[in-house]
Amino acid sequence: MQRIQTTSAIEATNALFEQALPTIPVWDQERIEIEFDGFKLAWGSKRLIPGTKESLRKLVQSNLEKTTLEFGFHFFTVDVMPQLGCGQVMAWSDGNGASVCLWRSDAGFYLCGNYFFSET
């Protein structure tokens, strides 16, 4: 998948779940948890969130929509990071914004967000 850039929360969410997800490598849960540990330090991620594709999609879109309303928001980029085993949406702004990583395993899907990411 080629990197996608958009100012739309809906387009970024669709790109993550429709274009990136099929190309994300399938990792076991232990490997995903190890990779997530790096995001706790780098991003201030609170926890690894398990869920269905549908539940995680709603959570991502809600956070990205809030991000578009933040002062200084510029755009999102959506990409697959094979070395990290995930699909990633990065918010580019002069202030706050939610960025996310999405992993997949045989058992399901896992998501983490940066410090700004909300689970509600």
C-alpha atoms as a PDB file:
ATOM      1  CA  MET A   1       0.000   0.000   0.000  1.00  0.00           C
ATOM      2  CA  GLN A   2       1.221   3.478  -0.803  1.00  0.00           C
ATOM      3  CA  ARG A   3       1.040   6.154   1.875  1.00  0.00           C
ATOM      4  CA  ILE A   4      -2.234   8.077   1.825  1.00  0.00           C
ATOM      5  CA  GLN A   5      -2.552  11.683   2.936  1.00  0.00           C
ATOM      6  CA  THR A   6      -5.932  13.237   3.717  1.00  0.00           C
ATOM      7  CA  THR A   7      -7.596  15.860   5.893  1.00  0.00           C
ATOM      8  CA  SER A   8     -10.703  13.664   6.243  1.00  0.00           C
ATOM      9  CA  ALA A   9     -11.195  11.481   9.319  1.00  0.00           C
ATOM     10  CA  ILE A  10     -13.532   9.224   7.330  1.00  0.00           C
ATOM     11  CA  GLU A  11     -11.051   8.788   4.479  1.00  0.00           C
ATOM     12  CA  ALA A  12      -8.198   8.065   6.907  1.00  0.00           C
ATOM     13  CA  THR A  13     -10.306   5.500   8.786  1.00  0.00           C
ATOM     14  CA  ASN A  14     -11.425   3.862   5.540  1.00  0.00           C
ATOM     15  CA  ALA A  15      -7.840   3.709   4.284  1.00  0.00           C
ATOM     16  CA  LEU A  16      -6.673   2.060   7.512  1.00  0.00           C
ATOM     17  CA  PHE A  17      -9.399  -0.583   7.596  1.00  0.00           C
ATOM     18  CA  GLU A  18      -9.989  -1.177   3.887  1.00  0.00           C
ATOM     19  CA  GLN A  19      -6.594  -0.671   2.263  1.00  0.00           C
ATOM     20  CA  ALA A  20      -3.978  -1.079   4.997  1.00  0.00           C
ATOM     21  CA  LEU A  21      -5.537  -3.861   7.085  1.00  0.00           C
ATOM     22  CA  PRO A  22      -5.402  -6.566   4.383  1.00  0.00           C
ATOM     23  CA  THR A  23      -1.651  -5.944   3.979  1.00  0.00           C
ATOM     24  CA  ILE A  24      -0.735  -5.848   7.682  1.00  0.00           C
ATOM     25  CA  PRO A  25       1.244  -8.970   8.600  1.00  0.00           C
ATOM     26  CA  VAL A  26      -0.434 -11.442  10.957  1.00  0.00           C
ATOM     27  CA  TRP A  27       1.528 -11.587  14.213  1.00  0.00           C
ATOM     28  CA  ASP A  28       0.961 -13.591  17.380  1.00  0.00           C
ATOM     29  CA  GLN A  29      -0.333 -11.710  20.418  1.00  0.00           C
ATOM     30  CA  GLU A  30       2.973 -11.933  22.294  1.00  0.00           C
ATOM     31  CA  ARG A  31       4.859 -10.245  19.452  1.00  0.00           C
ATOM     32  CA  ILE A  32       2.194  -7.528  19.235  1.00  0.00           C
ATOM     33  CA  GLU A  33       2.491  -6.881  22.985  1.00  0.00           C
ATOM     34  CA  ILE A  34       6.267  -6.570  22.675  1.00  0.00           C
ATOM     35  CA  GLU A  35       5.893  -4.047  19.854  1.00  0.00           C
ATOM     36  CA  PHE A  36       3.245  -2.168  21.844  1.00  0.00           C
ATOM     37  CA  ASP A  37       5.725  -1.672  24.706  1.00  0.00           C
ATOM     38  CA  GLY A  38       7.662   0.687  22.440  1.00  0.00           C
ATOM     39  CA  PHE A  39       4.550   2.773  21.851  1.00  0.00           C
ATOM     40  CA  LYS A  40       3.953   3.110  25.588  1.00  0.00           C
ATOM     41  CA  LEU A  41       7.281   4.898  25.836  1.00  0.00           C
ATOM     42  CA  ALA A  42       7.304   6.810  22.554  1.00  0.00           C
ATOM     43  CA  TRP A  43       3.631   7.797  22.342  1.00  0.00           C
ATOM     44  CA  GLY A  44       2.400   7.597  25.910  1.00  0.00           C
ATOM     45  CA  SER A  45      -0.033   4.855  24.877  1.00  0.00           C
ATOM     46  CA  LYS A  46      -2.238   3.776  27.759  1.00  0.00           C
ATOM     47  CA  ARG A  47      -3.063   0.199  26.757  1.00  0.00           C
ATOM     48  CA  LEU A  48      -3.350  -2.290  23.938  1.00  0.00           C
ATOM     49  CA  ILE A  49      -7.026  -2.407  22.992  1.00  0.00           C
ATOM     50  CA  PRO A  50      -8.402  -5.703  21.648  1.00  0.00           C
ATOM     51  CA  GLY A  51     -11.577  -5.657  19.597  1.00  0.00           C
ATOM     52  CA  THR A  52     -13.485  -6.514  16.502  1.00  0.00           C
ATOM     53  CA  LYS A  53     -12.815  -4.764  13.252  1.00  0.00           C
ATOM     54  CA  GLU A  54     -16.109  -2.884  13.632  1.00  0.00           C
ATOM     55  CA  SER A  55     -15.587  -1.751  17.235  1.00  0.00           C
ATOM     56  CA  LEU A  56     -12.034  -0.583  16.612  1.00  0.00           C
ATOM     57  CA  ARG A  57     -13.073   1.180  13.414  1.00  0.00           C
ATOM     58  CA  LYS A  58     -15.659   3.249  15.342  1.00  0.00           C
ATOM     59  CA  LEU A  59     -13.091   4.114  17.989  1.00  0.00           C
ATOM     60  CA  VAL A  60     -10.516   5.216  15.411  1.00  0.00           C
ATOM     61  CA  GLN A  61     -12.991   7.319  13.439  1.00  0.00           C
ATOM     62  CA  SER A  62     -14.269   9.039  16.594  1.00  0.00           C
ATOM     63  CA  ASN A  63     -10.731   9.983  17.633  1.00  0.00           C
ATOM     64  CA  LEU A  64      -9.761  11.167  14.173  1.00  0.00           C
ATOM     65  CA  GLU A  65     -12.909  13.289  13.917  1.00  0.00           C
ATOM     66  CA  LYS A  66     -12.032  14.977  17.240  1.00  0.00           C
ATOM     67  CA  THR A  67      -8.525  15.547  15.918  1.00  0.00           C
ATOM     68  CA  THR A  68      -9.761  17.447  12.854  1.00  0.00           C
ATOM     69  CA  LEU A  69     -11.349  19.975  15.240  1.00  0.00           C
ATOM     70  CA  GLU A  70      -8.129  20.592  17.166  1.00  0.00           C
ATOM     71  CA  PHE A  71      -6.268  23.874  16.714  1.00  0.00           C
ATOM     72  CA  GLY A  72      -3.405  23.555  14.240  1.00  0.00           C
ATOM     73  CA  PHE A  73      -4.550  20.289  12.611  1.00  0.00           C
ATOM     74  CA  HIS A  74      -3.024  19.811   9.137  1.00  0.00           C
ATOM     75  CA  PHE A  75      -3.658  16.254   7.840  1.00  0.00           C
ATOM     76  CA  PHE A  76      -3.412  12.514   8.442  1.00  0.00           C
ATOM     77  CA  THR A  77      -1.101  10.014   6.809  1.00  0.00           C
ATOM     78  CA  VAL A  78      -2.015   6.337   6.596  1.00  0.00           C
ATOM     79  CA  ASP A  79       0.658   3.735   6.006  1.00  0.00           C
ATOM     80  CA  VAL A  80       1.595   0.126   6.688  1.00  0.00           C
ATOM     81  CA  MET A  81       4.696  -0.340   8.801  1.00  0.00           C
ATOM     82  CA  PRO A  82       5.725  -3.980   8.120  1.00  0.00           C
ATOM     83  CA  GLN A  83       8.726  -3.790  10.458  1.00  0.00           C
ATOM     84  CA  LEU A  84       6.331  -2.816  13.286  1.00  0.00           C
ATOM     85  CA  GLY A  85       3.667  -5.264  12.117  1.00  0.00           C
ATOM     86  CA  CYS A  86       0.977  -2.614  11.980  1.00  0.00           C
ATOM     87  CA  GLY A  87      -1.044  -0.131  10.009  1.00  0.00           C
ATOM     88  CA  GLN A  88      -0.639   3.407  11.246  1.00  0.00           C
ATOM     89  CA  VAL A  89      -2.515   6.695  11.087  1.00  0.00           C
ATOM     90  CA  MET A  90      -0.418   9.702  12.039  1.00  0.00           C
ATOM     91  CA  ALA A  91      -1.998  13.056  12.818  1.00  0.00           C
ATOM     92  CA  TRP A  92       0.105  16.008  11.705  1.00  0.00           C
ATOM     93  CA  SER A  93      -0.641  19.186  13.607  1.00  0.00           C
ATOM     94  CA  ASP A  94       0.798  22.108  15.526  1.00  0.00           C
ATOM     95  CA  GLY A  95      -1.057  20.940  18.619  1.00  0.00           C
ATOM     96  CA  ASN A  96      -2.849  17.803  19.743  1.00  0.00           C
ATOM     97  CA  GLY A  97      -4.128  14.923  17.682  1.00  0.00           C
ATOM     98  CA  ALA A  98      -4.810  11.207  17.847  1.00  0.00           C
ATOM     99  CA  SER A  99      -2.429   8.828  16.092  1.00  0.00           C
ATOM    100  CA  VAL A 100      -3.092   5.078  16.061  1.00  0.00           C
ATOM    101  CA  CYS A 101      -1.535   1.710  15.279  1.00  0.00           C
ATOM    102  CA  LEU A 102      -3.569  -1.346  14.279  1.00  0.00           C
ATOM    103  CA  TRP A 103      -2.278  -4.929  14.480  1.00  0.00           C
ATOM    104  CA  ARG A 104      -3.859  -8.227  13.509  1.00  0.00           C
ATOM    105  CA  SER A 105      -3.399 -11.753  14.764  1.00  0.00           C
ATOM    106  CA  ASP A 106      -5.145 -15.046  14.173  1.00  0.00           C
ATOM    107  CA  ALA A 107      -7.239 -14.256  17.263  1.00  0.00           C
ATOM    108  CA  GLY A 108      -8.358 -10.756  16.231  1.00  0.00           C
ATOM    109  CA  PHE A 109      -7.341  -7.130  16.088  1.00  0.00           C
ATOM    110  CA  TYR A 110      -5.437  -4.824  18.449  1.00  0.00           C
ATOM    111  CA  LEU A 111      -5.157  -1.058  18.567  1.00  0.00           C
ATOM    112  CA  CYS A 112      -3.143   1.505  20.447  1.00  0.00           C
ATOM    113  CA  GLY A 113      -3.235   5.256  20.339  1.00  0.00           C
ATOM    114  CA  ASN A 114      -0.954   8.051  21.417  1.00  0.00           C
ATOM    115  CA  TYR A 115      -1.418  10.130  24.597  1.00  0.00           C
ATOM    116  CA  PHE A 116      -4.277  12.093  22.984  1.00  0.00           C
ATOM    117  CA  PHE A 117      -6.236   8.979  22.002  1.00  0.00           C
ATOM    118  CA  SER A 118      -9.457   8.435  23.971  1.00  0.00           C
ATOM    119  CA  GLU A 119     -11.271   5.133  24.448  1.00  0.00           C
ATOM    120  CA  THR A 120     -14.653   6.864  24.573  1.00  0.00           C
END
